[in-house]
Amino acid sequence: MTPALALFVKTPGLSPVKTRLAATLGVPQATQFYRLSAAATMAVARRCQKALIPYWAVAEADADASLAWSGAAHVWQGEGALGARLHKVYAELRARHGRVLLIGADAPQLTPALLIDALTALDAAPFVCGDAADGGFWLFGGREPIVSSAWLGVRYSQADTAAQLRHALASHGHVAGAPTLADVDTAKVLPELVRTLAALSEPLAEQRALLRWLQATLQPVRSQSAPHLPMRQ
């Protein structure tokens, strides 16, 4: 069976997106970032289509939500808190494909090589986890069943979320590691994202589009936040 990759997304206009980012950039700009970031992330996943089958894991069951996400198959996240939705998508796609990677739309600087390496790690370990710089995780993958209590017992959006997940899986088998990436929840991470995107050796068109938008958007923000210095006489 060909492994699957599920990219978790919420649909702008149907669910709030990037609320902490919107507190700094405003809702329209935060929404545009989310769209561009999701497009860049899916472009990376689609570049790996010989090795995996990409899915949009859509938060809403509304038909309009499915229409909003093109270029890949869809799977509904289901209802409940994040742990319940991760469990539902993981279990469903593992049953179909044997192996599955779960990612979000918040780390668009990822590369095809990182995804392929994560799949390769599953040859030696039942699970793989890529930590996020804030203590969460930007990627999780596996090839073995996971009981729902392991997902539900984790407190998400915490500084030790990835560590909690590893602890919850301790009795299930070894969790291999993957490189740490910074995911975007607040505006303070954006300058680092710009540097990382600019340093990619082979950026995809969608990553270049996101980089151009970020450079154009952040320049006015930096200018507005700069202190006004007194004129020298």
Foldseek 3Di string as FASTA:
>chain_A
DAEEEEEEDEDPPVDQDLPQACVQQNRVLRVVLLVLLQVLQVVQVVVCVVRYAYEYAYADPDPVRVVRDDDHHYDHQDDDDPLSSVLVVQVVRCVVHQKYKYFYSFFSLDHNVLVVVLVVVCVPWQKEFEAEPQQATGMIMGRDHDDSCLSVVADPPHSNRVVSSQVSCVVVIDYHYGYYHHTDNYPVCLVVSLVSLVPDPDRDPSSVVSNVSSVVSVVVVVVVPDDDDDDDD
